[in-house]
Amino acid sequence: MTRSKLETTETSKIMQLKTVWQQGSTNPENANNFAAISQFWTSLNGKEVAWRQRLIPPTGDVTELNWEPQRFDEQFLISNPQVRGITFYWYKPNTPQERSTLPHKLELDALRQQLYIYPQSQKEVVLRVGLPEIVYQKLVLQTPQVECTPKGENYTFTFRDTQQLIEVQVTLSGEQIKNLNLDFKK
């Protein structure tokens, strides 16, 4: 596969990871996108979700927002999430009252399992609802020794930090190594 075809394929995969529905949109995929987002919403039943609300920045770009936990953010087990019409319903634990929001726009980030809800009643607000974020353990190797060993069509990289007594092994295929696009020329 040529590089441009590979880039196009990768770009379409990334594009598919974000699903957008907008009320009144003429996009032919709008109904399918709503169905996919509705399916994600109902799949959250009985799961712990992180519920965050932020003011939309003047640029309208929610990726600029600080999504780190803040004072009024919540984390709870969501119950009975449903979609009726275009309204999203749910229950919080130990509360008999059903809650709801009517969106004018929805964005599902399938990769991060996050749903961005833009409520009709508060045009300046975005809600982010999804699985709590995974916090990865980070290792910082100060003075690593690197070793690469071919194993068939794969390569095993071993990184050792003898001062901290840490060893990390990573096995990559030839294709993964090509995708690293390493170019150290400056």
N, C-alpha and C. Protein backbone atom coordinates (compact mmCIF):
# COMPACT_ATOMS: atom_id res chain seq x y z
N MET A 1 0.85 -1.18 0.00
CA MET A 1 0.00 0.00 0.00
C MET A 1 0.89 1.24 0.00
N THR A 2 0.60 2.19 -0.85
CA THR A 2 1.40 3.40 -0.92
C THR A 2 1.18 4.25 0.32
N ARG A 3 2.13 5.15 0.57
CA ARG A 3 2.06 5.99 1.77
C ARG A 3 0.79 6.85 1.78
N SER A 4 0.42 7.43 0.63
CA SER A 4 -0.77 8.29 0.60
C SER A 4 -2.04 7.48 0.85
N LYS A 5 -2.11 6.23 0.31
CA LYS A 5 -3.27 5.38 0.58
C LYS A 5 -3.31 5.01 2.05
N LEU A 6 -2.15 4.71 2.64
CA LEU A 6 -2.08 4.36 4.05
C LEU A 6 -2.53 5.55 4.90
N GLU A 7 -2.06 6.74 4.56
CA GLU A 7 -2.46 7.94 5.30
C GLU A 7 -3.95 8.18 5.18
N THR A 8 -4.51 7.98 3.98
CA THR A 8 -5.94 8.16 3.77
C THR A 8 -6.73 7.15 4.59
N THR A 9 -6.27 5.88 4.59
CA THR A 9 -6.94 4.85 5.38
C THR A 9 -6.88 5.18 6.86
N GLU A 10 -5.73 5.59 7.34
CA GLU A 10 -5.58 5.95 8.76
C GLU A 10 -6.45 7.15 9.11
N THR A 11 -6.52 8.14 8.21
CA THR A 11 -7.34 9.32 8.46
C THR A 11 -8.80 8.92 8.54
N SER A 12 -9.27 8.01 7.63
CA SER A 12 -10.67 7.62 7.71
C SER A 12 -10.96 6.85 8.98
N LYS A 13 -10.01 6.05 9.45
CA LYS A 13 -10.22 5.33 10.71
C LYS A 13 -10.37 6.33 11.85
N ILE A 14 -9.53 7.34 11.87
CA ILE A 14 -9.60 8.35 12.93
C ILE A 14 -10.92 9.11 12.83
N MET A 15 -11.33 9.44 11.60
CA MET A 15 -12.58 10.17 11.41
C MET A 15 -13.74 9.35 11.94
N GLN A 16 -13.72 8.02 11.75
CA GLN A 16 -14.80 7.16 12.20
C GLN A 16 -14.86 7.09 13.72
N LEU A 17 -13.78 7.39 14.40
CA LEU A 17 -13.77 7.33 15.85
C LEU A 17 -14.56 8.47 16.47
N LYS A 18 -14.83 9.52 15.72
CA LYS A 18 -15.65 10.63 16.21
C LYS A 18 -16.95 10.63 15.42
N THR A 19 -18.05 10.47 16.16
CA THR A 19 -19.38 10.43 15.56
C THR A 19 -20.14 11.66 16.01
N VAL A 20 -20.68 12.41 15.05
CA VAL A 20 -21.37 13.67 15.37
C VAL A 20 -22.80 13.62 14.89
N TRP A 21 -23.71 14.06 15.76
CA TRP A 21 -25.11 14.24 15.40
C TRP A 21 -25.47 15.69 15.72
N GLN A 22 -26.20 16.33 14.83
CA GLN A 22 -26.64 17.70 15.07
C GLN A 22 -28.09 17.81 14.65
N GLN A 23 -28.89 18.40 15.53
CA GLN A 23 -30.30 18.58 15.24
C GLN A 23 -30.46 19.43 13.99
N GLY A 24 -31.30 18.96 13.07
CA GLY A 24 -31.58 19.71 11.85
C GLY A 24 -30.52 19.57 10.78
N SER A 25 -29.50 18.75 10.99
CA SER A 25 -28.43 18.58 10.00
C SER A 25 -28.96 17.86 8.76
N THR A 26 -28.42 18.23 7.62
CA THR A 26 -28.77 17.55 6.37
C THR A 26 -27.77 16.44 6.02
N ASN A 27 -26.82 16.19 6.91
CA ASN A 27 -25.84 15.13 6.70
C ASN A 27 -26.59 13.80 6.54
N PRO A 28 -26.37 13.07 5.45
CA PRO A 28 -27.09 11.81 5.25
C PRO A 28 -26.81 10.77 6.34
N GLU A 29 -25.71 10.91 7.04
CA GLU A 29 -25.36 9.96 8.12
C GLU A 29 -25.90 10.39 9.48
N ASN A 30 -26.61 11.52 9.54
CA ASN A 30 -27.07 12.07 10.82
C ASN A 30 -27.89 11.06 11.63
N ALA A 31 -28.84 10.38 10.98
CA ALA A 31 -29.69 9.40 11.69
C ALA A 31 -28.87 8.21 12.17
N ASN A 32 -27.95 7.72 11.32
CA ASN A 32 -27.09 6.60 11.73
C ASN A 32 -26.18 7.01 12.89
N ASN A 33 -25.68 8.23 12.83
CA ASN A 33 -24.82 8.73 13.91
C ASN A 33 -25.61 8.81 15.21
N PHE A 34 -26.85 9.28 15.14
CA PHE A 34 -27.68 9.36 16.34
C PHE A 34 -27.92 7.96 16.92
N ALA A 35 -28.17 7.00 16.04
CA ALA A 35 -28.39 5.61 16.49
C ALA A 35 -27.14 5.06 17.19
N ALA A 36 -25.96 5.33 16.63
CA ALA A 36 -24.71 4.85 17.24
C ALA A 36 -24.48 5.51 18.59
N ILE A 37 -24.75 6.80 18.67
CA ILE A 37 -24.57 7.53 19.93
C ILE A 37 -25.58 7.03 20.96
N SER A 38 -26.82 6.80 20.55
CA SER A 38 -27.85 6.28 21.45
C SER A 38 -27.44 4.92 22.00
N GLN A 39 -26.87 4.09 21.14
CA GLN A 39 -26.42 2.76 21.56
C GLN A 39 -25.31 2.89 22.61
N PHE A 40 -24.38 3.81 22.39
CA PHE A 40 -23.32 4.04 23.38
C PHE A 40 -23.95 4.47 24.71
N TRP A 41 -24.90 5.41 24.66
CA TRP A 41 -25.54 5.93 25.88
C TRP A 41 -26.18 4.79 26.68
N THR A 42 -26.95 3.96 26.02
CA THR A 42 -27.63 2.88 26.74
C THR A 42 -26.64 1.82 27.23
N SER A 43 -25.50 1.69 26.56
CA SER A 43 -24.49 0.71 27.00
C SER A 43 -23.82 1.10 28.32
N LEU A 44 -24.02 2.34 28.74
CA LEU A 44 -23.42 2.79 30.01
C LEU A 44 -24.18 2.29 31.23
N ASN A 45 -25.32 1.64 31.05
CA ASN A 45 -26.14 1.19 32.17
C ASN A 45 -25.34 0.37 33.18
N GLY A 46 -25.40 0.81 34.45
CA GLY A 46 -24.72 0.10 35.53
C GLY A 46 -23.23 0.36 35.61
N LYS A 47 -22.72 1.23 34.76
CA LYS A 47 -21.28 1.52 34.76
C LYS A 47 -21.01 2.84 35.48
N GLU A 48 -19.81 2.93 36.00
CA GLU A 48 -19.40 4.19 36.62
C GLU A 48 -19.03 5.16 35.50
N VAL A 49 -19.59 6.37 35.59
CA VAL A 49 -19.28 7.39 34.59
C VAL A 49 -18.71 8.63 35.27
N ALA A 50 -17.91 9.34 34.53
CA ALA A 50 -17.41 10.65 34.96
C ALA A 50 -18.28 11.67 34.25
N TRP A 51 -18.91 12.55 35.03
CA TRP A 51 -19.85 13.55 34.50
C TRP A 51 -19.22 14.92 34.72
N ARG A 52 -18.91 15.61 33.63
CA ARG A 52 -18.27 16.91 33.74
C ARG A 52 -19.02 17.93 32.90
N GLN A 53 -19.07 19.15 33.42
CA GLN A 53 -19.76 20.24 32.72
C GLN A 53 -18.81 21.43 32.63
N ARG A 54 -18.70 22.02 31.43
CA ARG A 54 -17.81 23.15 31.23
C ARG A 54 -18.50 24.19 30.34
N LEU A 55 -18.05 25.43 30.49
CA LEU A 55 -18.47 26.49 29.58
C LEU A 55 -17.67 26.36 28.29
N ILE A 56 -18.35 26.50 27.18
CA ILE A 56 -17.67 26.39 25.88
C ILE A 56 -16.82 27.64 25.68
N PRO A 57 -15.55 27.48 25.28
CA PRO A 57 -14.70 28.65 25.05
C PRO A 57 -15.20 29.46 23.85
N PRO A 58 -14.79 30.73 23.75
CA PRO A 58 -15.22 31.58 22.63
C PRO A 58 -14.93 30.98 21.25
N THR A 59 -13.88 30.18 21.16
CA THR A 59 -13.54 29.55 19.88
C THR A 59 -14.50 28.42 19.52
N GLY A 60 -15.21 27.90 20.52
CA GLY A 60 -16.11 26.78 20.30
C GLY A 60 -15.41 25.43 20.31
N ASP A 61 -14.09 25.41 20.47
CA ASP A 61 -13.30 24.18 20.43
C ASP A 61 -13.20 23.58 21.83
N VAL A 62 -13.95 22.49 22.08
CA VAL A 62 -13.96 21.89 23.42
C VAL A 62 -12.66 21.17 23.76
N THR A 63 -11.80 20.95 22.75
CA THR A 63 -10.50 20.32 23.06
C THR A 63 -9.60 21.30 23.82
N GLU A 64 -9.94 22.58 23.79
CA GLU A 64 -9.16 23.58 24.54
C GLU A 64 -9.50 23.57 26.02
N LEU A 65 -10.59 22.92 26.38
CA LEU A 65 -11.06 22.94 27.77
C LEU A 65 -10.19 22.08 28.67
N ASN A 66 -10.13 22.48 29.93
CA ASN A 66 -9.44 21.69 30.94
C ASN A 66 -10.45 20.69 31.49
N TRP A 67 -10.27 19.42 31.16
CA TRP A 67 -11.19 18.38 31.60
C TRP A 67 -10.72 17.69 32.87
N GLU A 68 -9.65 18.19 33.48
CA GLU A 68 -9.21 17.62 34.75
C GLU A 68 -10.34 17.77 35.75
N PRO A 69 -10.48 16.83 36.70
CA PRO A 69 -11.58 16.91 37.67
C PRO A 69 -11.60 18.25 38.40
N GLN A 70 -12.81 18.79 38.53
CA GLN A 70 -13.01 20.05 39.24
C GLN A 70 -14.09 19.86 40.29
N ARG A 71 -14.29 20.88 41.07
CA ARG A 71 -15.12 20.83 42.27
C ARG A 71 -16.51 20.21 42.08
N PHE A 72 -17.23 20.59 41.04
CA PHE A 72 -18.61 20.13 40.89
C PHE A 72 -18.75 18.93 39.94
N ASP A 73 -17.64 18.39 39.50
CA ASP A 73 -17.70 17.19 38.66
C ASP A 73 -18.17 16.02 39.51
N GLU A 74 -18.78 15.05 38.84
CA GLU A 74 -19.30 13.89 39.56
C GLU A 74 -18.80 12.60 38.93
N GLN A 75 -18.79 11.57 39.74
CA GLN A 75 -18.51 10.23 39.26
C GLN A 75 -19.53 9.33 39.95
N PHE A 76 -20.34 8.61 39.18
CA PHE A 76 -21.40 7.80 39.76
C PHE A 76 -21.77 6.65 38.83
N LEU A 77 -22.50 5.66 39.40
CA LEU A 77 -23.01 4.56 38.60
C LEU A 77 -24.30 5.04 37.94
N ILE A 78 -24.31 5.08 36.65
CA ILE A 78 -25.49 5.55 35.93
C ILE A 78 -26.48 4.40 35.80
N SER A 79 -27.77 4.71 36.00
CA SER A 79 -28.82 3.69 35.91
C SER A 79 -29.80 4.02 34.81
N ASN A 80 -30.20 2.99 34.11
CA ASN A 80 -31.26 3.06 33.12
C ASN A 80 -31.11 4.22 32.12
N PRO A 81 -29.93 4.39 31.53
CA PRO A 81 -29.81 5.44 30.51
C PRO A 81 -30.64 5.05 29.29
N GLN A 82 -31.48 5.96 28.87
CA GLN A 82 -32.38 5.70 27.73
C GLN A 82 -32.41 6.91 26.83
N VAL A 83 -32.87 6.68 25.61
CA VAL A 83 -33.12 7.77 24.68
C VAL A 83 -34.57 7.61 24.24
N ARG A 84 -35.34 8.68 24.42
CA ARG A 84 -36.73 8.71 23.96
C ARG A 84 -36.86 9.97 23.11
N GLY A 85 -37.20 9.77 21.85
CA GLY A 85 -37.16 10.89 20.91
C GLY A 85 -35.69 11.26 20.73
N ILE A 86 -35.34 12.50 21.05
CA ILE A 86 -33.92 12.89 21.04
C ILE A 86 -33.48 13.31 22.44
N THR A 87 -34.29 12.97 23.45
CA THR A 87 -33.96 13.32 24.83
C THR A 87 -33.24 12.16 25.50
N PHE A 88 -32.17 12.49 26.23
CA PHE A 88 -31.37 11.49 26.94
C PHE A 88 -31.80 11.48 28.40
N TYR A 89 -32.16 10.29 28.90
CA TYR A 89 -32.64 10.11 30.28
C TYR A 89 -31.69 9.22 31.05
N TRP A 90 -31.67 9.38 32.39
CA TRP A 90 -30.86 8.55 33.26
C TRP A 90 -31.28 8.77 34.71
N TYR A 91 -30.80 7.85 35.56
CA TYR A 91 -30.97 7.97 37.01
C TYR A 91 -29.60 7.97 37.65
N LYS A 92 -29.49 8.71 38.75
CA LYS A 92 -28.30 8.67 39.59
C LYS A 92 -28.61 7.76 40.76
N PRO A 93 -27.60 7.18 41.40
CA PRO A 93 -27.84 6.28 42.54
C PRO A 93 -28.60 7.00 43.66
N ASN A 94 -29.47 6.26 44.31
CA ASN A 94 -30.22 6.73 45.48
C ASN A 94 -31.07 7.96 45.21
N THR A 95 -31.45 8.18 43.95
CA THR A 95 -32.37 9.28 43.66
C THR A 95 -33.52 8.73 42.83
N PRO A 96 -34.76 8.94 43.29
CA PRO A 96 -35.90 8.39 42.55
C PRO A 96 -36.27 9.20 41.31
N GLN A 97 -35.75 10.42 41.22
CA GLN A 97 -36.13 11.31 40.12
C GLN A 97 -35.30 11.01 38.87
N GLU A 98 -36.02 10.77 37.76
CA GLU A 98 -35.35 10.58 36.48
C GLU A 98 -34.85 11.94 36.01
N ARG A 99 -33.63 11.95 35.47
CA ARG A 99 -33.03 13.18 34.93
C ARG A 99 -33.00 13.09 33.42
N SER A 100 -32.90 14.26 32.79
CA SER A 100 -32.88 14.25 31.33
C SER A 100 -32.19 15.50 30.80
N THR A 101 -31.76 15.39 29.56
CA THR A 101 -31.25 16.55 28.83
C THR A 101 -31.63 16.39 27.36
N LEU A 102 -31.98 17.49 26.76
CA LEU A 102 -32.35 17.53 25.35
C LEU A 102 -31.21 18.20 24.59
N PRO A 103 -30.46 17.43 23.79
CA PRO A 103 -29.30 18.00 23.10
C PRO A 103 -29.67 18.67 21.77
N HIS A 104 -28.82 19.63 21.38
CA HIS A 104 -28.92 20.15 20.01
C HIS A 104 -27.75 19.61 19.19
N LYS A 105 -26.75 19.06 19.90
CA LYS A 105 -25.60 18.46 19.22
C LYS A 105 -25.00 17.41 20.14
N LEU A 106 -24.48 16.33 19.54
CA LEU A 106 -23.82 15.26 20.26
C LEU A 106 -22.54 14.88 19.52
N GLU A 107 -21.49 14.61 20.27
CA GLU A 107 -20.24 14.13 19.68
C GLU A 107 -19.77 12.95 20.50
N LEU A 108 -19.54 11.83 19.85
CA LEU A 108 -19.04 10.64 20.53
C LEU A 108 -17.60 10.41 20.13
N ASP A 109 -16.72 10.41 21.10
CA ASP A 109 -15.32 10.08 20.88
C ASP A 109 -15.18 8.61 21.26
N ALA A 110 -15.27 7.74 20.26
CA ALA A 110 -15.27 6.30 20.50
C ALA A 110 -13.95 5.81 21.07
N LEU A 111 -12.87 6.45 20.69
CA LEU A 111 -11.56 6.04 21.18
C LEU A 111 -11.44 6.22 22.68
N ARG A 112 -11.88 7.37 23.17
CA ARG A 112 -11.78 7.68 24.60
C ARG A 112 -13.05 7.34 25.38
N GLN A 113 -14.07 6.84 24.67
CA GLN A 113 -15.34 6.47 25.29
C GLN A 113 -15.96 7.66 26.03
N GLN A 114 -16.00 8.81 25.37
CA GLN A 114 -16.54 10.04 25.94
C GLN A 114 -17.63 10.58 25.01
N LEU A 115 -18.76 10.97 25.61
CA LEU A 115 -19.86 11.58 24.86
C LEU A 115 -19.96 13.04 25.27
N TYR A 116 -19.90 13.93 24.29
CA TYR A 116 -20.05 15.36 24.52
C TYR A 116 -21.49 15.73 24.17
N ILE A 117 -22.21 16.27 25.15
CA ILE A 117 -23.61 16.64 24.98
C ILE A 117 -23.71 18.16 25.04
N TYR A 118 -24.29 18.75 24.02
CA TYR A 118 -24.52 20.19 23.97
C TYR A 118 -26.01 20.42 24.20
N PRO A 119 -26.43 20.79 25.44
CA PRO A 119 -27.86 20.91 25.75
C PRO A 119 -28.51 22.10 25.04
N GLN A 120 -29.77 21.89 24.61
CA GLN A 120 -30.52 22.97 23.98
C GLN A 120 -30.78 24.11 24.96
N SER A 121 -30.96 23.75 26.23
CA SER A 121 -31.34 24.76 27.23
C SER A 121 -30.16 25.64 27.66
N GLN A 122 -28.93 25.20 27.41
CA GLN A 122 -27.75 25.97 27.80
C GLN A 122 -26.74 25.93 26.65
N LYS A 123 -26.89 26.80 25.69
CA LYS A 123 -26.06 26.78 24.48
C LYS A 123 -24.58 27.03 24.76
N GLU A 124 -24.25 27.65 25.91
CA GLU A 124 -22.86 27.96 26.23
C GLU A 124 -22.18 26.85 27.03
N VAL A 125 -22.88 25.70 27.23
CA VAL A 125 -22.38 24.62 28.08
C VAL A 125 -22.19 23.35 27.27
N VAL A 126 -21.17 22.57 27.65
CA VAL A 126 -20.99 21.22 27.11
C VAL A 126 -20.83 20.27 28.29
N LEU A 127 -21.48 19.12 28.19
CA LEU A 127 -21.34 18.06 29.18
C LEU A 127 -20.45 16.99 28.57
N ARG A 128 -19.57 16.44 29.37
CA ARG A 128 -18.78 15.29 28.91
C ARG A 128 -19.08 14.14 29.84
N VAL A 129 -19.64 13.08 29.26
CA VAL A 129 -20.04 11.91 30.04
C VAL A 129 -19.36 10.70 29.43
N GLY A 130 -18.73 9.91 30.28
CA GLY A 130 -18.09 8.71 29.76
C GLY A 130 -17.42 7.92 30.84
N LEU A 131 -16.74 6.92 30.41
CA LEU A 131 -16.02 6.08 31.36
C LEU A 131 -14.92 6.90 32.00
N PRO A 132 -14.68 6.67 33.29
CA PRO A 132 -13.60 7.43 33.94
C PRO A 132 -12.30 7.21 33.17
N GLU A 133 -11.51 8.24 33.14
CA GLU A 133 -10.27 8.17 32.38
C GLU A 133 -9.29 7.19 33.01
N ILE A 134 -8.58 6.53 32.15
CA ILE A 134 -7.55 5.60 32.60
C ILE A 134 -6.32 6.42 32.94
N VAL A 135 -5.76 6.16 34.09
CA VAL A 135 -4.53 6.83 34.47
C VAL A 135 -3.41 5.81 34.33
N TYR A 136 -2.52 6.07 33.40
CA TYR A 136 -1.42 5.16 33.15
C TYR A 136 -0.26 5.44 34.11
N GLN A 137 0.39 4.38 34.53
CA GLN A 137 1.60 4.54 35.33
C GLN A 137 2.71 4.97 34.38
N LYS A 138 3.40 6.02 34.73
CA LYS A 138 4.44 6.54 33.86
C LYS A 138 5.81 6.19 34.44
N LEU A 139 6.66 5.65 33.59
CA LEU A 139 8.04 5.36 33.97
C LEU A 139 8.94 6.32 33.21
N VAL A 140 9.86 6.94 33.92
CA VAL A 140 10.82 7.82 33.28
C VAL A 140 12.20 7.20 33.50
N LEU A 141 12.80 6.81 32.38
CA LEU A 141 14.14 6.23 32.45
C LEU A 141 15.14 7.35 32.22
N GLN A 142 15.97 7.59 33.22
CA GLN A 142 16.91 8.71 33.18
C GLN A 142 18.09 8.45 32.26
N THR A 143 18.71 7.30 32.41
CA THR A 143 19.89 6.97 31.60
C THR A 143 19.73 5.55 31.04
N PRO A 144 18.82 5.39 30.08
CA PRO A 144 18.53 4.03 29.61
C PRO A 144 19.61 3.47 28.70
N GLN A 145 19.78 2.16 28.83
CA GLN A 145 20.56 1.40 27.88
C GLN A 145 19.52 0.77 26.95
N VAL A 146 19.80 0.77 25.66
CA VAL A 146 18.82 0.25 24.70
C VAL A 146 19.42 -0.92 23.95
N GLU A 147 18.63 -1.97 23.81
CA GLU A 147 19.05 -3.15 23.08
C GLU A 147 17.90 -3.56 22.16
N CYS A 148 18.21 -3.93 20.94
CA CYS A 148 17.18 -4.35 19.99
C CYS A 148 17.52 -5.75 19.49
N THR A 149 16.57 -6.67 19.63
CA THR A 149 16.79 -8.05 19.22
C THR A 149 15.72 -8.47 18.22
N PRO A 150 16.13 -8.88 17.00
CA PRO A 150 15.13 -9.34 16.04
C PRO A 150 14.58 -10.70 16.47
N LYS A 151 13.25 -10.86 16.33
CA LYS A 151 12.60 -12.14 16.63
C LYS A 151 11.62 -12.42 15.49
N GLY A 152 12.09 -13.14 14.48
CA GLY A 152 11.27 -13.38 13.29
C GLY A 152 11.08 -12.07 12.56
N GLU A 153 9.83 -11.69 12.34
CA GLU A 153 9.54 -10.42 11.66
C GLU A 153 9.38 -9.28 12.66
N ASN A 154 9.48 -9.57 13.94
CA ASN A 154 9.33 -8.55 14.99
C ASN A 154 10.68 -8.18 15.58
N TYR A 155 10.67 -7.11 16.34
CA TYR A 155 11.88 -6.65 17.02
C TYR A 155 11.53 -6.37 18.47
N THR A 156 12.33 -6.89 19.39
CA THR A 156 12.12 -6.63 20.81
C THR A 156 13.14 -5.61 21.27
N PHE A 157 12.61 -4.49 21.77
CA PHE A 157 13.46 -3.44 22.32
C PHE A 157 13.47 -3.59 23.83
N THR A 158 14.66 -3.57 24.40
CA THR A 158 14.78 -3.62 25.85
C THR A 158 15.43 -2.32 26.31
N PHE A 159 14.74 -1.63 27.21
CA PHE A 159 15.24 -0.39 27.79
C PHE A 159 15.56 -0.67 29.25
N ARG A 160 16.80 -0.43 29.66
CA ARG A 160 17.22 -0.68 31.04
C ARG A 160 17.76 0.60 31.66
N ASP A 161 17.32 0.86 32.87
CA ASP A 161 17.88 1.96 33.67
C ASP A 161 18.51 1.28 34.88
N THR A 162 19.84 1.16 34.85
CA THR A 162 20.54 0.41 35.90
C THR A 162 20.54 1.15 37.24
N GLN A 163 20.39 2.48 37.22
CA GLN A 163 20.34 3.23 38.48
C GLN A 163 19.02 2.97 39.21
N GLN A 164 17.91 2.92 38.46
CA GLN A 164 16.61 2.71 39.09
C GLN A 164 16.20 1.23 39.12
N LEU A 165 17.01 0.37 38.50
CA LEU A 165 16.73 -1.06 38.40
C LEU A 165 15.37 -1.31 37.74
N ILE A 166 15.19 -0.67 36.56
CA ILE A 166 13.96 -0.82 35.79
C ILE A 166 14.32 -1.37 34.42
N GLU A 167 13.54 -2.34 33.96
CA GLU A 167 13.70 -2.87 32.61
C GLU A 167 12.33 -2.91 31.96
N VAL A 168 12.26 -2.39 30.73
CA VAL A 168 11.02 -2.39 29.97
C VAL A 168 11.30 -3.04 28.63
N GLN A 169 10.43 -4.01 28.25
CA GLN A 169 10.57 -4.66 26.95
C GLN A 169 9.35 -4.32 26.10
N VAL A 170 9.62 -3.98 24.84
CA VAL A 170 8.56 -3.64 23.90
C VAL A 170 8.84 -4.41 22.61
N THR A 171 7.84 -5.16 22.14
CA THR A 171 7.99 -5.89 20.88
C THR A 171 7.16 -5.17 19.82
N LEU A 172 7.83 -4.83 18.71
CA LEU A 172 7.17 -4.12 17.61
C LEU A 172 7.36 -4.90 16.32
N SER A 173 6.35 -4.85 15.47
CA SER A 173 6.47 -5.46 14.15
C SER A 173 7.24 -4.49 13.25
N GLY A 174 7.69 -4.99 12.12
CA GLY A 174 8.38 -4.14 11.16
C GLY A 174 7.49 -2.98 10.71
N GLU A 175 6.19 -3.27 10.54
CA GLU A 175 5.23 -2.23 10.12
C GLU A 175 5.09 -1.16 11.20
N GLN A 176 5.03 -1.57 12.47
CA GLN A 176 4.94 -0.60 13.56
C GLN A 176 6.19 0.28 13.61
N ILE A 177 7.33 -0.30 13.35
CA ILE A 177 8.57 0.48 13.36
C ILE A 177 8.55 1.49 12.21
N LYS A 178 8.06 1.08 11.04
CA LYS A 178 7.94 2.01 9.91
C LYS A 178 7.00 3.16 10.26
N ASN A 179 5.90 2.85 10.97
CA ASN A 179 4.91 3.87 11.34
C ASN A 179 5.44 4.85 12.38
N LEU A 180 6.53 4.50 13.05
CA LEU A 180 7.10 5.43 14.02
C LEU A 180 7.62 6.68 13.31
N ASN A 181 7.97 6.53 12.03
CA ASN A 181 8.41 7.67 11.23
C ASN A 181 9.54 8.43 11.92
N LEU A 182 10.54 7.68 12.34
CA LEU A 182 11.67 8.29 13.06
C LEU A 182 12.58 9.02 12.08
N ASP A 183 12.80 10.29 12.36
CA ASP A 183 13.70 11.09 11.54
C ASP A 183 14.42 12.04 12.48
N PHE A 184 15.63 11.66 12.83
CA PHE A 184 16.39 12.44 13.81
C PHE A 184 17.31 13.46 13.17
N LYS A 185 17.21 13.64 11.85
CA LYS A 185 18.06 14.62 11.18
C LYS A 185 17.54 16.00 11.50
N LYS A 186 18.45 16.87 11.89
CA LYS A 186 18.05 18.24 12.21
C LYS A 186 18.90 19.21 11.42
